[in-house]
Amino acid sequence: MTDKKRPDDLDLNEEGLLNRAKGAAEEAKGRARNAMGGLTGDGGQQLKGMGEELKGKAQQTLGKAQQKLDDVLDRNDRNINKARE
């Protein structure tokens, strides 16, 4: 643990996990809409589905980046504390 903790609103690991989960759900919803549009011949629904898939993938990527940043910040905090010892 560090002497100085980052503010709770910067808990990027939890926020990243939430974004990854929401993104996966959005991507799955888009895949289903895309498939349904393909089965019914509704190109508009297919396009909406593709958009939802992309939005979900982007949200998952954001979540991964948030978690990696949280790891880097935690490592940095540990290194600073170790240097102070």
N, C-alpha and C. Protein backbone atom coordinates (compact mmCIF):
# COMPACT_ATOMS: atom_id res chain seq x y z
N MET A 1 0.84 -1.18 0.00
CA MET A 1 0.00 0.00 0.00
C MET A 1 0.88 1.24 0.00
N THR A 2 0.33 2.32 -0.40
CA THR A 2 1.09 3.56 -0.48
C THR A 2 0.70 4.49 0.66
N ASP A 3 1.61 5.42 0.97
CA ASP A 3 1.29 6.43 1.98
C ASP A 3 0.18 7.34 1.46
N LYS A 4 0.33 7.74 0.22
CA LYS A 4 -0.64 8.63 -0.42
C LYS A 4 -1.46 7.80 -1.38
N LYS A 5 -2.75 7.76 -1.15
CA LYS A 5 -3.62 7.01 -2.06
C LYS A 5 -4.23 7.97 -3.07
N ARG A 6 -4.47 7.43 -4.25
CA ARG A 6 -5.18 8.21 -5.25
C ARG A 6 -6.63 8.36 -4.82
N PRO A 7 -7.28 9.43 -5.22
CA PRO A 7 -8.70 9.61 -4.85
C PRO A 7 -9.54 8.44 -5.34
N ASP A 8 -10.62 8.16 -4.61
CA ASP A 8 -11.49 7.05 -4.98
C ASP A 8 -12.06 7.19 -6.38
N ASP A 9 -12.24 8.42 -6.83
CA ASP A 9 -12.80 8.60 -8.16
C ASP A 9 -11.80 8.20 -9.25
N LEU A 10 -10.58 7.87 -8.86
CA LEU A 10 -9.59 7.41 -9.82
C LEU A 10 -9.37 5.91 -9.73
N ASP A 11 -10.34 5.16 -9.25
CA ASP A 11 -10.19 3.72 -9.20
C ASP A 11 -10.44 3.17 -10.60
N LEU A 12 -9.40 3.26 -11.40
CA LEU A 12 -9.52 2.90 -12.80
C LEU A 12 -9.69 1.41 -13.03
N ASN A 13 -9.23 0.59 -12.09
CA ASN A 13 -9.37 -0.84 -12.28
C ASN A 13 -10.85 -1.24 -12.28
N GLU A 14 -11.60 -0.75 -11.30
CA GLU A 14 -13.03 -1.07 -11.23
C GLU A 14 -13.79 -0.45 -12.40
N GLU A 15 -13.46 0.79 -12.72
CA GLU A 15 -14.11 1.46 -13.84
C GLU A 15 -13.81 0.72 -15.15
N GLY A 16 -12.57 0.27 -15.28
CA GLY A 16 -12.18 -0.48 -16.47
C GLY A 16 -12.92 -1.80 -16.57
N LEU A 17 -13.06 -2.47 -15.45
CA LEU A 17 -13.78 -3.74 -15.45
C LEU A 17 -15.24 -3.53 -15.85
N LEU A 18 -15.83 -2.46 -15.34
CA LEU A 18 -17.22 -2.14 -15.69
C LEU A 18 -17.35 -1.83 -17.18
N ASN A 19 -16.42 -1.05 -17.72
CA ASN A 19 -16.46 -0.73 -19.14
C ASN A 19 -16.26 -1.97 -20.01
N ARG A 20 -15.40 -2.87 -19.58
CA ARG A 20 -15.21 -4.10 -20.34
C ARG A 20 -16.49 -4.93 -20.36
N ALA A 21 -17.17 -5.03 -19.22
CA ALA A 21 -18.41 -5.82 -19.15
C ALA A 21 -19.52 -5.17 -19.97
N LYS A 22 -19.69 -3.86 -19.82
CA LYS A 22 -20.72 -3.17 -20.60
C LYS A 22 -20.43 -3.26 -22.10
N GLY A 23 -19.16 -3.15 -22.44
CA GLY A 23 -18.78 -3.24 -23.85
C GLY A 23 -19.06 -4.61 -24.43
N ALA A 24 -18.80 -5.65 -23.66
CA ALA A 24 -19.07 -7.01 -24.13
C ALA A 24 -20.57 -7.21 -24.35
N ALA A 25 -21.37 -6.66 -23.45
CA ALA A 25 -22.83 -6.77 -23.59
C ALA A 25 -23.31 -6.01 -24.82
N GLU A 26 -22.77 -4.83 -25.04
CA GLU A 26 -23.16 -4.02 -26.21
C GLU A 26 -22.75 -4.73 -27.51
N GLU A 27 -21.56 -5.31 -27.50
CA GLU A 27 -21.10 -6.04 -28.69
C GLU A 27 -22.01 -7.24 -28.97
N ALA A 28 -22.39 -7.97 -27.94
CA ALA A 28 -23.28 -9.13 -28.12
C ALA A 28 -24.64 -8.69 -28.64
N LYS A 29 -25.16 -7.59 -28.09
CA LYS A 29 -26.44 -7.05 -28.55
C LYS A 29 -26.35 -6.69 -30.04
N GLY A 30 -25.26 -6.08 -30.42
CA GLY A 30 -25.06 -5.70 -31.82
C GLY A 30 -24.96 -6.90 -32.73
N ARG A 31 -24.26 -7.93 -32.27
CA ARG A 31 -24.14 -9.15 -33.06
C ARG A 31 -25.50 -9.77 -33.31
N ALA A 32 -26.32 -9.78 -32.26
CA ALA A 32 -27.67 -10.36 -32.38
C ALA A 32 -28.52 -9.53 -33.35
N ARG A 33 -28.45 -8.20 -33.23
CA ARG A 33 -29.23 -7.34 -34.12
C ARG A 33 -28.76 -7.50 -35.57
N ASN A 34 -27.46 -7.58 -35.75
CA ASN A 34 -26.89 -7.76 -37.09
C ASN A 34 -27.39 -9.08 -37.69
N ALA A 35 -27.35 -10.14 -36.90
CA ALA A 35 -27.80 -11.45 -37.38
C ALA A 35 -29.29 -11.44 -37.70
N MET A 36 -30.08 -10.82 -36.84
CA MET A 36 -31.53 -10.76 -37.07
C MET A 36 -31.82 -9.97 -38.35
N GLY A 37 -31.11 -8.89 -38.53
CA GLY A 37 -31.28 -8.10 -39.75
C GLY A 37 -30.92 -8.90 -40.99
N GLY A 38 -29.88 -9.72 -40.86
CA GLY A 38 -29.49 -10.58 -41.99
C GLY A 38 -30.55 -11.62 -42.31
N LEU A 39 -31.14 -12.19 -41.27
CA LEU A 39 -32.18 -13.21 -41.48
C LEU A 39 -33.45 -12.63 -42.09
N THR A 40 -33.78 -11.40 -41.69
CA THR A 40 -35.03 -10.79 -42.18
C THR A 40 -34.81 -9.93 -43.41
N GLY A 41 -33.55 -9.76 -43.81
CA GLY A 41 -33.26 -8.93 -44.98
C GLY A 41 -33.35 -7.44 -44.69
N ASP A 42 -33.26 -7.06 -43.44
CA ASP A 42 -33.35 -5.65 -43.04
C ASP A 42 -31.94 -5.07 -42.90
N GLY A 43 -31.50 -4.41 -43.96
CA GLY A 43 -30.16 -3.83 -43.97
C GLY A 43 -29.96 -2.76 -42.92
N GLY A 44 -31.02 -2.04 -42.59
CA GLY A 44 -30.93 -1.00 -41.56
C GLY A 44 -30.60 -1.59 -40.21
N GLN A 45 -31.24 -2.71 -39.88
CA GLN A 45 -30.97 -3.37 -38.60
C GLN A 45 -29.55 -3.95 -38.59
N GLN A 46 -29.11 -4.44 -39.74
CA GLN A 46 -27.75 -4.95 -39.82
C GLN A 46 -26.75 -3.83 -39.53
N LEU A 47 -26.98 -2.67 -40.14
CA LEU A 47 -26.07 -1.54 -39.91
C LEU A 47 -26.09 -1.08 -38.46
N LYS A 48 -27.29 -1.02 -37.87
CA LYS A 48 -27.37 -0.65 -36.45
C LYS A 48 -26.61 -1.67 -35.61
N GLY A 49 -26.75 -2.93 -35.95
CA GLY A 49 -26.04 -3.98 -35.22
C GLY A 49 -24.53 -3.83 -35.33
N MET A 50 -24.07 -3.53 -36.54
CA MET A 50 -22.62 -3.33 -36.74
C MET A 50 -22.13 -2.15 -35.92
N GLY A 51 -22.94 -1.09 -35.86
CA GLY A 51 -22.56 0.07 -35.05
C GLY A 51 -22.48 -0.27 -33.57
N GLU A 52 -23.44 -1.05 -33.10
CA GLU A 52 -23.42 -1.46 -31.69
C GLU A 52 -22.21 -2.36 -31.40
N GLU A 53 -21.88 -3.22 -32.35
CA GLU A 53 -20.70 -4.07 -32.17
C GLU A 53 -19.44 -3.21 -32.02
N LEU A 54 -19.30 -2.23 -32.91
CA LEU A 54 -18.12 -1.35 -32.85
C LEU A 54 -18.09 -0.55 -31.55
N LYS A 55 -19.24 -0.06 -31.14
CA LYS A 55 -19.31 0.69 -29.88
C LYS A 55 -18.88 -0.20 -28.72
N GLY A 56 -19.34 -1.44 -28.71
CA GLY A 56 -18.98 -2.37 -27.66
C GLY A 56 -17.49 -2.68 -27.64
N LYS A 57 -16.92 -2.87 -28.83
CA LYS A 57 -15.48 -3.14 -28.90
C LYS A 57 -14.67 -1.94 -28.40
N ALA A 58 -15.13 -0.74 -28.77
CA ALA A 58 -14.43 0.47 -28.32
C ALA A 58 -14.51 0.60 -26.80
N GLN A 59 -15.66 0.30 -26.23
CA GLN A 59 -15.82 0.40 -24.78
C GLN A 59 -14.95 -0.63 -24.07
N GLN A 60 -14.83 -1.81 -24.65
CA GLN A 60 -13.96 -2.83 -24.06
C GLN A 60 -12.50 -2.39 -24.12
N THR A 61 -12.11 -1.77 -25.23
CA THR A 61 -10.74 -1.28 -25.37
C THR A 61 -10.46 -0.19 -24.34
N LEU A 62 -11.43 0.69 -24.14
CA LEU A 62 -11.29 1.72 -23.10
C LEU A 62 -11.10 1.08 -21.73
N GLY A 63 -11.89 0.07 -21.43
CA GLY A 63 -11.78 -0.62 -20.14
C GLY A 63 -10.41 -1.25 -19.94
N LYS A 64 -9.89 -1.88 -20.99
CA LYS A 64 -8.55 -2.48 -20.90
C LYS A 64 -7.50 -1.41 -20.65
N ALA A 65 -7.63 -0.29 -21.34
CA ALA A 65 -6.67 0.81 -21.16
C ALA A 65 -6.74 1.37 -19.74
N GLN A 66 -7.95 1.50 -19.21
CA GLN A 66 -8.10 1.99 -17.84
C GLN A 66 -7.44 1.05 -16.84
N GLN A 67 -7.61 -0.24 -17.04
CA GLN A 67 -7.00 -1.21 -16.12
C GLN A 67 -5.48 -1.20 -16.23
N LYS A 68 -4.96 -1.06 -17.45
CA LYS A 68 -3.51 -1.00 -17.61
C LYS A 68 -2.94 0.26 -16.97
N LEU A 69 -3.65 1.37 -17.14
CA LEU A 69 -3.21 2.61 -16.51
C LEU A 69 -3.22 2.49 -14.99
N ASP A 70 -4.23 1.85 -14.45
CA ASP A 70 -4.30 1.63 -13.01
C ASP A 70 -3.10 0.81 -12.54
N ASP A 71 -2.73 -0.22 -13.30
CA ASP A 71 -1.56 -1.03 -12.95
C ASP A 71 -0.29 -0.18 -12.95
N VAL A 72 -0.13 0.66 -13.97
CA VAL A 72 1.06 1.51 -14.06
C VAL A 72 1.11 2.48 -12.89
N LEU A 73 -0.02 3.09 -12.57
CA LEU A 73 -0.04 4.03 -11.44
C LEU A 73 0.25 3.34 -10.12
N ASP A 74 -0.28 2.14 -9.93
CA ASP A 74 0.01 1.39 -8.70
C ASP A 74 1.49 1.05 -8.61
N ARG A 75 2.07 0.61 -9.74
CA ARG A 75 3.49 0.27 -9.77
C ARG A 75 4.32 1.52 -9.46
N ASN A 76 3.94 2.64 -10.03
CA ASN A 76 4.64 3.90 -9.79
C ASN A 76 4.57 4.28 -8.31
N ASP A 77 3.40 4.15 -7.71
CA ASP A 77 3.25 4.44 -6.27
C ASP A 77 4.17 3.55 -5.44
N ARG A 78 4.23 2.27 -5.78
CA ARG A 78 5.10 1.34 -5.03
C ARG A 78 6.56 1.73 -5.18
N ASN A 79 6.97 2.11 -6.39
CA ASN A 79 8.36 2.49 -6.62
C ASN A 79 8.72 3.76 -5.86
N ILE A 80 7.80 4.70 -5.80
CA ILE A 80 8.05 5.94 -5.06
C ILE A 80 8.22 5.63 -3.58
N ASN A 81 7.35 4.79 -3.05
CA ASN A 81 7.45 4.43 -1.63
C ASN A 81 8.72 3.66 -1.33
N LYS A 82 9.11 2.79 -2.25
CA LYS A 82 10.34 2.02 -2.06
C LYS A 82 11.55 2.96 -2.06
N ALA A 83 11.53 3.97 -2.94
CA ALA A 83 12.63 4.93 -3.01
C ALA A 83 12.73 5.77 -1.75
N ARG A 84 11.61 6.00 -1.10
CA ARG A 84 11.60 6.81 0.13
C ARG A 84 12.16 6.05 1.32
N GLU A 85 12.16 4.73 1.25
CA GLU A 85 12.61 3.91 2.39
C GLU A 85 14.09 4.01 2.62
